[in-house]
Amino acid sequence: MEEVNQTVVSEFILLGLCDSWELQAFLLLVFPLLYLITILGNIFTVLLIISDLHLHSPMYFLLANLSFIDFCLSSVITPKMITDFLKEHNTISFEGCMCQIFFGHFFGGCEMVLLVSMAYDRYVAICKPLHYSSIMNKQMCIGLVMTTWIIGFVHSISQLAIIIKLPFCGPRELDSFFCDIPLVIRLACVDTYILEKLINADSGVLATICFVLLLISYTYILLTVCHQSKDGASKALSTCTAHITVVVLFFGPCIFIYLCPLGIMWVDKFLAVFYAVITPLLNPAIYTLRNKEIKNAIKRL
């Protein structure tokens, strides 16, 4: 009988963003538009970089990968959230829930590592300009991107391995609009205190290492910029400002969701929306609006 009870839960109930039908109707108008802009913006950035020979450089190669990851990350959660606005009762199958967890952490982990690679690229370009072409060669660029995908996969599969074998036999309501480990693991029919600490440590170690490396890279860059000519410093600072903005927008919600959770449900939902919907939308806008070479490439179309 115990074994039967541990296999009862085949789907989870998603309570969604809010209870208000009026607000849901408003969000049903807003989120599809934001998602469409996100998809078109990131795909446009990738195609622009591929098609314009002037953008065939390491920085834009990494930027194209960032746009592709943002396209994928936004597609893990947003389409399901939009369609759920049309339903009175929102559910997600156990398999669908595990897929959301896997791909959410996969693309999220990839983006963390890729942002470090982009910071390293800017560090070499600004701090070691004479060695840039020899250091950031084709093999190095491919190696950085491959490392990004491998670390993202290892991070995600390690998270999934912890949670997928847990027994779920009781409550199945998730007070959210998508599946994520901190919420799902609390529904397991066993004591998950140690597992929660293990999962937080897994996410925390990756996020902390990436964030520290980013801080070190941009500190060196800013110190170097201070000793450059006015024109060179202005161009370098403009590029780095865009990178730093993206880093803050991405890591800010991650820190409060996984490392220092506030425990306030509406704040957690807001941060999750910002992480899953807003950040992938802002990234292409930040890079295209602040980047002269991208704007020139658009004019050449």
Protein backbone atom coordinates (compact mmCIF):
# COMPACT_ATOMS: atom_id res chain seq x y z
CA MET A 1 0.00 0.00 0.00
CA GLU A 2 2.94 2.33 0.77
CA GLU A 3 4.38 1.79 -2.72
CA VAL A 4 1.01 2.59 -4.30
CA ASN A 5 0.74 5.85 -2.32
CA GLN A 6 4.20 6.94 -3.47
CA THR A 7 3.15 6.80 -7.11
CA VAL A 8 -0.18 8.64 -6.81
CA VAL A 9 1.04 12.05 -7.97
CA SER A 10 1.24 12.04 -11.76
CA GLU A 11 0.72 15.79 -12.15
CA PHE A 12 1.09 19.00 -10.18
CA ILE A 13 -1.37 21.87 -9.81
CA LEU A 14 0.05 25.30 -10.64
CA LEU A 15 -1.66 28.10 -8.70
CA GLY A 16 -0.28 30.65 -11.17
CA LEU A 17 0.81 34.25 -10.80
CA CYS A 18 -2.36 35.64 -9.23
CA ASP A 19 -6.03 34.95 -8.44
CA SER A 20 -7.46 38.06 -10.12
CA TRP A 21 -9.14 37.35 -13.47
CA GLU A 22 -8.78 41.03 -14.43
CA LEU A 23 -5.03 40.95 -13.86
CA GLN A 24 -4.73 37.63 -15.69
CA ALA A 25 -6.59 39.11 -18.67
CA PHE A 26 -4.15 42.04 -18.69
CA LEU A 27 -1.14 39.71 -18.45
CA LEU A 28 -2.58 37.61 -21.27
CA LEU A 29 -2.26 40.69 -23.48
CA VAL A 30 1.19 41.71 -22.23
CA PHE A 31 3.16 38.46 -21.96
CA PRO A 32 2.52 37.13 -25.49
CA LEU A 33 3.75 40.48 -26.84
CA LEU A 34 6.85 40.38 -24.63
CA TYR A 35 7.53 36.78 -25.62
CA LEU A 36 7.17 37.59 -29.33
CA ILE A 37 9.59 40.52 -28.99
CA THR A 38 12.02 38.29 -27.07
CA ILE A 39 11.95 35.57 -29.71
CA LEU A 40 12.24 37.94 -32.65
CA GLY A 41 14.92 40.06 -30.94
CA ASN A 42 17.17 37.14 -30.07
CA ILE A 43 16.71 35.34 -33.40
CA PHE A 44 17.40 38.62 -35.23
CA THR A 45 20.61 39.11 -33.22
CA VAL A 46 21.82 35.59 -34.06
CA LEU A 47 21.02 35.92 -37.78
CA LEU A 48 22.55 39.41 -37.96
CA ILE A 49 25.83 38.20 -36.46
CA ILE A 50 25.92 35.15 -38.75
CA SER A 51 25.17 37.13 -41.92
CA ASP A 52 27.37 40.22 -41.38
CA LEU A 53 31.07 39.57 -41.94
CA HIS A 54 31.98 42.66 -39.89
CA LEU A 55 30.58 40.90 -36.83
CA HIS A 56 32.59 37.70 -37.23
CA SER A 57 34.71 38.27 -34.13
CA PRO A 58 34.95 36.47 -30.77
CA MET A 59 32.80 39.02 -28.91
CA TYR A 60 29.91 38.69 -31.34
CA PHE A 61 30.31 34.92 -31.59
CA LEU A 62 29.74 34.77 -27.82
CA LEU A 63 26.91 37.29 -28.08
CA ALA A 64 25.16 35.11 -30.70
CA ASN A 65 25.37 32.18 -28.28
CA LEU A 66 23.94 34.35 -25.49
CA SER A 67 21.00 35.32 -27.69
CA PHE A 68 20.36 31.68 -28.58
CA ILE A 69 20.42 30.70 -24.89
CA ASP A 70 18.03 33.55 -24.04
CA PHE A 71 15.71 32.37 -26.81
CA CYS A 72 15.73 28.86 -25.32
CA LEU A 73 15.46 30.01 -21.69
CA SER A 74 12.40 32.14 -22.37
CA SER A 75 10.76 29.24 -24.24
CA VAL A 76 11.08 26.85 -21.29
CA ILE A 77 8.54 28.68 -19.12
CA THR A 78 6.75 31.50 -20.94
CA PRO A 79 4.60 29.56 -23.49
CA LYS A 80 3.16 27.32 -20.75
CA MET A 81 2.50 30.35 -18.55
CA ILE A 82 0.66 32.15 -21.37
CA THR A 83 -1.58 29.19 -22.21
CA ASP A 84 -2.38 28.71 -18.52
CA PHE A 85 -3.95 32.19 -18.44
CA LEU A 86 -6.68 30.72 -20.66
CA LYS A 87 -7.48 27.88 -18.25
CA GLU A 88 -9.37 27.82 -15.00
CA HIS A 89 -7.40 24.89 -13.58
CA ASN A 90 -3.70 24.71 -14.43
CA THR A 91 -1.80 21.46 -14.18
CA ILE A 92 1.52 20.11 -15.38
CA SER A 93 2.42 16.44 -15.69
CA PHE A 94 5.22 14.99 -13.57
CA GLU A 95 7.29 14.48 -16.73
CA GLY A 96 6.58 18.04 -17.90
CA CYS A 97 7.57 19.36 -14.50
CA MET A 98 10.89 17.50 -14.58
CA CYS A 99 11.53 18.82 -18.11
CA GLN A 100 10.96 22.40 -16.96
CA ILE A 101 13.40 21.87 -14.09
CA PHE A 102 16.04 20.28 -16.32
CA PHE A 103 15.94 22.79 -19.17
CA GLY A 104 15.48 25.79 -16.87
CA HIS A 105 18.64 24.94 -14.95
CA PHE A 106 20.44 23.81 -18.12
CA PHE A 107 20.02 27.09 -19.98
CA GLY A 108 20.33 29.13 -16.78
CA GLY A 109 23.63 27.41 -15.96
CA CYS A 110 24.83 27.89 -19.53
CA GLU A 111 24.09 31.61 -19.36
CA MET A 112 26.04 32.02 -16.12
CA VAL A 113 29.15 30.40 -17.59
CA LEU A 114 28.77 32.22 -20.92
CA LEU A 115 28.66 35.59 -19.15
CA VAL A 116 32.01 34.68 -17.57
CA SER A 117 33.38 33.80 -21.03
CA MET A 118 32.19 37.16 -22.37
CA ALA A 119 33.87 38.93 -19.45
CA TYR A 120 37.11 37.05 -20.18
CA ASP A 121 36.88 38.10 -23.83
CA ARG A 122 36.55 41.77 -22.79
CA TYR A 123 39.39 41.35 -20.28
CA VAL A 124 41.75 40.09 -22.99
CA ALA A 125 40.59 42.74 -25.49
CA ILE A 126 41.10 45.65 -23.08
CA CYS A 127 43.91 44.48 -20.78
CA LYS A 128 45.98 42.50 -23.34
CA PRO A 129 45.06 44.07 -26.71
CA LEU A 130 48.30 43.07 -28.45
CA HIS A 131 47.71 39.39 -27.67
CA TYR A 132 43.96 39.41 -28.31
CA SER A 133 43.98 37.71 -31.72
CA SER A 134 46.39 34.99 -30.57
CA ILE A 135 44.51 34.27 -27.31
CA MET A 136 40.93 34.58 -28.56
CA ASN A 137 41.44 32.40 -31.63
CA LYS A 138 38.85 30.10 -33.17
CA GLN A 139 39.83 27.14 -30.98
CA MET A 140 39.53 29.22 -27.80
CA CYS A 141 36.09 30.55 -28.79
CA ILE A 142 34.77 27.07 -29.56
CA GLY A 143 36.33 25.76 -26.33
CA LEU A 144 34.64 28.47 -24.25
CA VAL A 145 31.24 27.74 -25.79
CA MET A 146 31.66 23.96 -25.41
CA THR A 147 32.64 24.48 -21.76
CA THR A 148 29.50 26.59 -21.32
CA TRP A 149 27.19 23.84 -22.59
CA ILE A 150 29.01 21.05 -20.70
CA ILE A 151 28.92 22.85 -17.33
CA GLY A 152 25.27 23.79 -17.89
CA PHE A 153 24.41 20.15 -18.60
CA VAL A 154 26.34 18.78 -15.62
CA HIS A 155 24.73 21.35 -13.31
CA SER A 156 21.23 20.57 -14.58
CA ILE A 157 21.53 16.79 -14.59
CA SER A 158 22.95 16.84 -11.05
CA GLN A 159 19.92 18.86 -9.88
CA LEU A 160 17.49 16.56 -11.68
CA ALA A 161 19.14 13.40 -10.34
CA ILE A 162 18.46 14.58 -6.78
CA ILE A 163 14.75 15.27 -7.24
CA ILE A 164 13.48 12.84 -9.89
CA LYS A 165 13.58 9.75 -7.64
CA LEU A 166 11.82 11.38 -4.70
CA PRO A 167 8.41 9.95 -3.73
CA PHE A 168 5.49 12.36 -4.24
CA CYS A 169 2.38 10.99 -2.59
CA GLY A 170 0.62 13.84 -0.83
CA PRO A 171 0.08 17.52 -1.64
CA ARG A 172 0.61 18.51 -5.25
CA GLU A 173 -0.08 22.26 -5.34
CA LEU A 174 2.73 24.59 -6.42
CA ASP A 175 2.17 28.25 -5.59
CA SER A 176 3.86 29.36 -8.78
CA PHE A 177 3.42 29.47 -12.55
CA PHE A 178 6.17 26.94 -13.30
CA CYS A 179 8.07 24.05 -11.74
CA ASP A 180 11.25 24.80 -9.88
CA ILE A 181 13.21 22.70 -7.43
CA PRO A 182 12.75 24.78 -4.22
CA LEU A 183 8.96 24.45 -4.55
CA VAL A 184 8.70 20.90 -5.90
CA ILE A 185 11.07 19.34 -3.38
CA ARG A 186 8.87 20.51 -0.50
CA LEU A 187 6.06 18.28 -1.80
CA ALA A 188 8.08 15.08 -1.41
CA CYS A 189 6.90 12.51 1.15
CA VAL A 190 10.28 12.32 2.88
CA ASP A 191 12.44 14.65 4.94
CA THR A 192 14.20 16.78 2.34
CA TYR A 193 16.18 19.10 4.63
CA ILE A 194 19.57 17.66 3.65
CA LEU A 195 18.58 17.46 -0.03
CA GLU A 196 17.50 21.11 -0.02
CA LYS A 197 20.87 22.11 1.43
CA LEU A 198 22.62 19.97 -1.20
CA ILE A 199 20.66 21.54 -4.05
CA ASN A 200 21.24 25.05 -2.72
CA ALA A 201 24.95 24.26 -2.44
CA ASP A 202 25.01 22.99 -6.05
CA SER A 203 23.35 26.14 -7.41
CA GLY A 204 25.20 28.34 -4.94
CA VAL A 205 28.66 27.10 -5.86
CA LEU A 206 28.10 27.62 -9.60
CA ALA A 207 26.51 31.06 -9.15
CA THR A 208 29.13 32.21 -6.62
CA ILE A 209 32.12 31.07 -8.70
CA CYS A 210 30.72 32.75 -11.81
CA PHE A 211 29.88 35.94 -9.95
CA VAL A 212 33.33 36.17 -8.31
CA LEU A 213 35.06 35.59 -11.66
CA LEU A 214 32.90 38.30 -13.20
CA LEU A 215 33.74 40.74 -10.41
CA ILE A 216 37.47 40.05 -10.81
CA SER A 217 37.33 40.42 -14.61
CA TYR A 218 35.43 43.69 -14.62
CA THR A 219 37.54 45.11 -11.77
CA TYR A 220 40.67 44.53 -13.84
CA ILE A 221 38.96 45.98 -16.89
CA LEU A 222 37.80 49.14 -15.11
CA LEU A 223 41.25 49.67 -13.57
CA THR A 224 42.83 49.31 -17.02
CA VAL A 225 40.28 51.65 -18.61
CA CYS A 226 41.22 54.38 -16.12
CA HIS A 227 44.74 54.46 -17.60
CA GLN A 228 43.69 54.53 -21.27
CA SER A 229 43.20 57.50 -23.59
CA LYS A 230 39.86 59.26 -23.43
CA ASP A 231 38.52 57.76 -26.70
CA GLY A 232 39.71 54.23 -25.93
CA ALA A 233 38.38 54.42 -22.39
CA SER A 234 35.00 55.69 -23.59
CA LYS A 235 34.55 52.83 -26.07
CA ALA A 236 35.72 50.17 -23.61
CA LEU A 237 33.55 51.57 -20.84
CA SER A 238 30.50 51.63 -23.11
CA THR A 239 30.95 47.96 -24.02
CA CYS A 240 31.59 46.93 -20.41
CA THR A 241 28.58 48.89 -19.16
CA ALA A 242 26.32 46.78 -21.39
CA HIS A 243 27.96 43.58 -20.11
CA ILE A 244 27.74 44.63 -16.46
CA THR A 245 24.08 45.60 -16.88
CA VAL A 246 23.26 42.14 -18.24
CA VAL A 247 25.20 40.48 -15.40
CA VAL A 248 23.29 42.46 -12.75
CA LEU A 249 19.92 41.75 -14.39
CA PHE A 250 20.66 38.02 -14.60
CA PHE A 251 22.38 37.38 -11.27
CA GLY A 252 20.17 39.70 -9.21
CA PRO A 253 17.03 37.50 -9.38
CA CYS A 254 19.12 34.30 -9.17
CA ILE A 255 20.68 35.38 -5.87
CA PHE A 256 17.31 36.06 -4.24
CA ILE A 257 15.61 32.97 -5.72
CA TYR A 258 18.27 30.37 -4.92
CA LEU A 259 20.97 31.77 -2.62
CA CYS A 260 19.10 34.19 -0.33
CA PRO A 261 15.38 33.40 -0.72
CA LEU A 262 13.18 36.04 0.90
CA GLY A 263 10.28 33.66 1.52
CA ILE A 264 7.74 36.26 0.37
CA MET A 265 5.66 34.56 -2.31
CA TRP A 266 4.72 37.61 -4.41
CA VAL A 267 8.36 38.76 -4.40
CA ASP A 268 9.52 35.27 -5.46
CA LYS A 269 6.98 35.28 -8.30
CA PHE A 270 8.07 38.75 -9.43
CA LEU A 271 11.74 37.70 -9.44
CA ALA A 272 10.87 34.52 -11.36
CA VAL A 273 9.00 36.53 -13.99
CA PHE A 274 11.92 38.95 -14.27
CA TYR A 275 14.41 36.07 -14.63
CA ALA A 276 12.36 34.03 -17.12
CA VAL A 277 10.57 36.73 -19.14
CA ILE A 278 12.17 40.16 -18.75
CA THR A 279 15.91 39.37 -18.77
CA PRO A 280 15.85 37.43 -22.09
CA LEU A 281 13.90 40.38 -23.53
CA LEU A 282 16.32 43.04 -22.29
CA ASN A 283 19.58 41.34 -23.28
CA PRO A 284 19.31 41.88 -27.07
CA ALA A 285 17.99 45.40 -26.52
CA ILE A 286 20.89 46.33 -24.25
CA TYR A 287 23.53 45.01 -26.64
CA THR A 288 21.99 46.42 -29.82
CA LEU A 289 21.07 49.86 -28.48
CA ARG A 290 24.49 50.45 -26.89
CA ASN A 291 26.64 48.82 -29.57
CA LYS A 292 27.75 50.95 -32.49
CA GLU A 293 28.89 48.02 -34.65
CA ILE A 294 25.54 46.25 -34.23
CA LYS A 295 23.70 49.44 -35.19
CA ASN A 296 25.92 49.86 -38.25
CA ALA A 297 25.26 46.24 -39.22
CA ILE A 298 21.50 46.92 -39.00
CA LYS A 299 21.92 49.95 -41.30
CA ARG A 300 23.75 47.76 -43.86
CA LEU A 301 20.79 45.41 -44.18
